[in-house]
Amino acid sequence: MARKIVVTSGKGGVGKTTVCCNLGVQLARRGYRVIVCDLDFGLNNADVVLGVENRAVYDILDAVEGRCRPRQALVSHPYYPTLFSLSSNRVLERYVSPQAIRLVLEALSAQFDFILIDSPAGIEDGFHRAAACAEEALLVTTPHISALRDADRVAGILSGYRFSFSGLVVNLVRRERRRGELLSPEEIAATLRLPLVASLPEDDKVFSENIIVKSRAFRTLAEAVLGVCAGQRAQGRGR
């Protein structure tokens, strides 16, 4: 069964979707079967970041409402055969329940190793719909004060969900930090009371290319996510 991980943030513009998609690419490069599921209805961009925006025939709402089977809504990546995109609907005019989304993902779960759920930023209904469909969470923030304030609110809400693991990804970390200017990733993790999974440096190539296959930072993120799974198995054996 797939590990369902929601990738979320408190503030828009912190690179959440880019992190989610690059994590999916790195896991697929290791041979894992991965779905990047975009649940940001109306503002969906995961298919654009992955470069498959013109390939989709159906979206997740089509699967929810029975116009296609869940597998038909998947779009395979042209370069990574085990990576698939599941797009959301660009215009949401009606309520879609977490239960309906969960049924679609459960129908796909047995065929995949990971389902990465790209959540809308913030703490509105879309965030809760995405979180309710997941079993683990990655909170993405930057070291900037406005992002940290919003991340703190999201971290508090995430603690109310019964996730098997919740971790922190600090994005856009400056290589050289002036004294007293910004908190370090470790300080942010301590403030938010979440384990630090990865810190990702500022990289102009990410903004121009979206997917950076040879990024050491994203490889490290993928290895950390895989390490979480290994750690959970070890804890299970120790009980």
Protein backbone atom coordinates (compact mmCIF):
# COMPACT_ATOMS: atom_id res chain seq x y z
CA MET A 1 0.00 0.00 0.00
CA ALA A 2 1.21 3.50 -0.81
CA ARG A 3 2.51 5.90 1.81
CA LYS A 4 0.24 8.95 1.59
CA ILE A 5 2.16 12.11 2.44
CA VAL A 6 0.58 15.56 2.42
CA VAL A 7 3.00 18.36 1.54
CA THR A 8 1.64 21.59 2.97
CA SER A 9 2.57 25.12 4.01
CA GLY A 10 1.09 28.00 5.91
CA LYS A 11 2.02 30.65 3.38
CA GLY A 12 1.89 30.62 -0.39
CA GLY A 13 5.09 31.16 -2.34
CA VAL A 14 7.40 29.11 -0.13
CA GLY A 15 8.01 26.49 -2.83
CA LYS A 16 5.67 23.78 -1.56
CA THR A 17 4.64 22.50 -5.00
CA THR A 18 8.22 22.56 -6.25
CA VAL A 19 9.33 20.57 -3.21
CA CYS A 20 6.50 18.06 -3.67
CA CYS A 21 7.23 17.50 -7.37
CA ASN A 22 10.99 17.25 -6.98
CA LEU A 23 10.54 14.75 -4.17
CA GLY A 24 8.33 12.71 -6.50
CA VAL A 25 10.99 12.78 -9.22
CA GLN A 26 13.75 11.69 -6.86
CA LEU A 27 11.66 8.80 -5.52
CA ALA A 28 10.74 7.73 -9.07
CA ARG A 29 14.41 7.81 -10.08
CA ARG A 30 14.98 5.21 -7.38
CA GLY A 31 12.35 2.97 -8.95
CA TYR A 32 9.47 3.74 -6.59
CA ARG A 33 5.98 4.06 -8.06
CA VAL A 34 4.82 7.58 -7.25
CA ILE A 35 1.70 9.71 -7.74
CA VAL A 36 1.87 13.48 -7.30
CA CYS A 37 -1.74 14.36 -6.48
CA ASP A 38 -2.64 18.04 -6.75
CA LEU A 39 -5.49 18.94 -4.39
CA ASP A 40 -5.17 22.69 -4.78
CA PHE A 41 -8.49 23.11 -6.58
CA GLY A 42 -8.60 26.21 -8.75
CA LEU A 43 -4.89 27.05 -8.35
CA ASN A 44 -3.33 23.75 -9.35
CA ASN A 45 0.22 23.93 -10.69
CA ALA A 46 1.80 20.55 -10.00
CA ASP A 47 1.23 19.37 -13.57
CA VAL A 48 2.96 22.56 -14.81
CA VAL A 49 5.96 22.00 -12.55
CA LEU A 50 6.18 18.40 -13.78
CA GLY A 51 5.78 19.53 -17.41
CA VAL A 52 2.71 17.39 -18.15
CA GLU A 53 0.00 20.06 -18.16
CA ASN A 54 -0.98 19.34 -21.78
CA ARG A 55 -1.24 15.57 -21.35
CA ALA A 56 -4.18 15.25 -18.97
CA VAL A 57 -7.52 14.04 -20.32
CA TYR A 58 -9.23 13.63 -16.94
CA ASP A 59 -8.68 15.05 -13.46
CA ILE A 60 -9.42 13.83 -9.95
CA LEU A 61 -12.91 15.34 -10.01
CA ASP A 62 -13.71 13.23 -13.07
CA ALA A 63 -12.69 10.16 -11.06
CA VAL A 64 -14.71 11.28 -8.03
CA GLU A 65 -17.84 11.80 -10.13
CA GLY A 66 -17.46 8.58 -12.14
CA ARG A 67 -16.58 9.98 -15.56
CA CYS A 68 -13.44 7.86 -15.56
CA ARG A 69 -11.74 5.20 -13.49
CA PRO A 70 -9.07 6.47 -11.05
CA ARG A 71 -6.27 4.95 -13.12
CA GLN A 72 -7.50 6.79 -16.24
CA ALA A 73 -7.03 10.12 -14.49
CA LEU A 74 -3.30 9.51 -14.06
CA VAL A 75 -0.80 11.07 -16.45
CA SER A 76 2.54 9.31 -16.82
CA HIS A 77 5.70 11.39 -16.93
CA PRO A 78 7.56 11.22 -20.25
CA TYR A 79 10.99 10.75 -18.62
CA TYR A 80 10.21 8.82 -15.45
CA PRO A 81 7.98 5.82 -16.18
CA THR A 82 7.04 5.20 -12.53
CA LEU A 83 5.99 8.81 -11.89
CA PHE A 84 2.37 9.90 -12.42
CA SER A 85 0.46 13.15 -12.02
CA LEU A 86 -3.12 13.33 -10.76
CA SER A 87 -4.43 16.80 -11.55
CA SER A 88 -7.13 18.70 -9.72
CA ASN A 89 -9.91 20.73 -11.25
CA ARG A 90 -9.12 24.33 -12.21
CA VAL A 91 -12.56 25.64 -11.30
CA LEU A 92 -14.27 24.23 -8.23
CA GLU A 93 -17.93 25.20 -8.06
CA ARG A 94 -19.11 22.66 -5.55
CA TYR A 95 -17.98 20.95 -2.38
CA VAL A 96 -15.84 17.81 -2.67
CA SER A 97 -15.60 15.79 0.52
CA PRO A 98 -12.36 14.32 1.89
CA GLN A 99 -14.09 10.93 1.85
CA ALA A 100 -14.65 11.14 -1.91
CA ILE A 101 -10.99 11.99 -2.54
CA ARG A 102 -9.88 9.27 -0.15
CA LEU A 103 -11.86 6.64 -2.07
CA VAL A 104 -10.05 7.56 -5.29
CA LEU A 105 -6.64 7.42 -3.64
CA GLU A 106 -7.44 4.14 -1.92
CA ALA A 107 -8.37 2.64 -5.28
CA LEU A 108 -4.85 3.49 -6.51
CA SER A 109 -2.92 2.80 -3.33
CA ALA A 110 -2.17 -0.88 -3.87
CA GLN A 111 -0.47 -0.15 -7.20
CA PHE A 112 1.92 2.51 -5.87
CA ASP A 113 4.59 3.10 -3.23
CA PHE A 114 3.98 6.80 -2.60
CA ILE A 115 1.11 9.23 -3.06
CA LEU A 116 2.37 12.77 -2.52
CA ILE A 117 -0.54 15.15 -1.91
CA ASP A 118 0.10 18.77 -2.82
CA SER A 119 -2.10 20.74 -0.43
CA PRO A 120 -3.35 24.29 -0.82
CA ALA A 121 -1.46 26.78 1.33
CA GLY A 122 -3.21 28.06 4.43
CA ILE A 123 -5.70 26.45 6.80
CA GLU A 124 -8.95 26.62 4.87
CA ASP A 125 -11.17 23.71 3.76
CA GLY A 126 -8.75 22.66 1.01
CA PHE A 127 -5.98 22.15 3.53
CA HIS A 128 -8.16 19.96 5.73
CA ARG A 129 -9.38 17.96 2.70
CA ALA A 130 -5.78 17.20 1.76
CA ALA A 131 -4.66 16.44 5.32
CA ALA A 132 -7.60 14.09 5.87
CA CYS A 133 -6.45 11.96 2.93
CA ALA A 134 -2.90 11.50 4.24
CA GLU A 135 -1.10 9.43 6.84
CA GLU A 136 2.09 11.52 7.03
CA ALA A 137 2.85 15.21 6.64
CA LEU A 138 5.68 17.44 5.45
CA LEU A 139 5.39 21.12 6.37
CA VAL A 140 7.33 23.42 4.02
CA THR A 141 8.41 26.88 5.13
CA THR A 142 11.14 29.44 4.51
CA PRO A 143 13.20 31.20 7.18
CA HIS A 144 11.27 34.46 6.70
CA ILE A 145 9.23 35.76 9.65
CA SER A 146 5.90 35.95 7.80
CA ALA A 147 6.26 32.36 6.60
CA LEU A 148 7.24 31.14 10.06
CA ARG A 149 4.22 32.75 11.69
CA ASP A 150 1.88 30.93 9.29
CA ALA A 151 3.88 27.70 9.56
CA ASP A 152 3.49 27.78 13.33
CA ARG A 153 -0.31 27.87 12.96
CA VAL A 154 -0.24 24.95 10.51
CA ALA A 155 2.10 22.94 12.73
CA GLY A 156 -0.36 23.32 15.58
CA ILE A 157 -3.22 22.07 13.43
CA LEU A 158 -1.18 19.16 12.09
CA SER A 159 -0.59 17.99 15.65
CA GLY A 160 -4.32 17.34 15.88
CA TYR A 161 -4.19 14.81 13.05
CA ARG A 162 -3.07 11.31 13.88
CA PHE A 163 -0.20 11.19 11.42
CA SER A 164 2.37 8.45 11.77
CA PHE A 165 5.01 11.10 11.04
CA SER A 166 5.09 14.89 10.66
CA GLY A 167 8.28 16.63 9.59
CA LEU A 168 9.66 19.99 8.51
CA VAL A 169 11.31 21.07 5.26
CA VAL A 170 12.96 24.50 5.34
CA ASN A 171 13.24 25.89 1.82
CA LEU A 172 15.22 28.83 0.37
CA VAL A 173 17.94 28.69 3.01
CA ARG A 174 20.72 31.18 2.38
CA ARG A 175 24.19 29.71 2.21
CA GLU A 176 25.59 32.67 4.12
CA ARG A 177 23.40 33.97 6.93
CA ARG A 178 24.20 37.31 8.53
CA ARG A 179 24.23 37.22 12.31
CA GLY A 180 20.76 37.79 13.78
CA GLU A 181 19.10 38.04 10.36
CA LEU A 182 17.18 34.76 10.11
CA LEU A 183 16.71 31.66 12.19
CA SER A 184 18.67 28.57 11.20
CA PRO A 185 16.74 25.48 10.02
CA GLU A 186 17.52 23.81 13.34
CA GLU A 187 16.16 26.78 15.28
CA ILE A 188 13.03 26.79 13.13
CA ALA A 189 12.48 23.09 13.78
CA ALA A 190 12.83 23.66 17.53
CA THR A 191 10.40 26.60 17.39
CA LEU A 192 7.80 24.63 15.42
CA ARG A 193 8.40 21.45 17.48
CA LEU A 194 8.84 19.33 14.36
CA PRO A 195 11.77 17.14 13.30
CA LEU A 196 13.86 18.71 10.53
CA VAL A 197 13.68 16.42 7.49
CA ALA A 198 15.69 18.60 5.10
CA SER A 199 16.91 22.14 4.48
CA LEU A 200 16.99 23.25 0.85
CA PRO A 201 19.28 26.11 -0.23
CA GLU A 202 18.29 28.97 -2.48
CA ASP A 203 18.90 27.90 -6.07
CA ASP A 204 18.14 30.04 -9.11
CA LYS A 205 17.92 26.90 -11.27
CA VAL A 206 14.84 25.77 -9.36
CA PHE A 207 12.99 28.92 -10.39
CA SER A 208 14.01 28.59 -14.05
CA GLU A 209 13.72 24.83 -14.50
CA ASN A 210 11.25 23.66 -11.79
CA ILE A 211 12.66 20.12 -11.74
CA ILE A 212 16.34 19.76 -10.83
CA VAL A 213 17.27 16.12 -11.30
CA LYS A 214 20.85 16.43 -10.07
CA SER A 215 20.04 18.48 -6.99
CA ARG A 216 21.88 17.16 -3.95
CA ALA A 217 19.31 18.82 -1.68
CA PHE A 218 16.33 17.04 -3.22
CA ARG A 219 18.22 13.74 -3.22
CA THR A 220 18.83 14.25 0.48
CA LEU A 221 15.13 14.99 1.00
CA ALA A 222 14.16 11.74 -0.76
CA GLU A 223 16.67 9.76 1.29
CA ALA A 224 15.28 11.32 4.48
CA VAL A 225 11.71 10.40 3.54
CA LEU A 226 12.82 6.84 2.81
CA GLY A 227 14.68 6.83 6.12
CA VAL A 228 11.45 7.69 7.94
CA CYS A 229 9.95 4.48 6.55
CA ALA A 230 12.98 2.46 7.65
CA GLY A 231 12.81 4.02 11.12
CA GLN A 232 9.13 3.18 11.47
CA ARG A 233 9.82 -0.45 10.54
CA ALA A 234 12.65 -0.61 13.08
CA GLN A 235 10.41 0.78 15.81
CA GLY A 236 7.79 -1.81 14.91
CA ARG A 237 10.32 -4.64 15.28
CA GLY A 238 11.46 -3.25 18.63
CA ARG A 239 8.02 -3.35 20.20
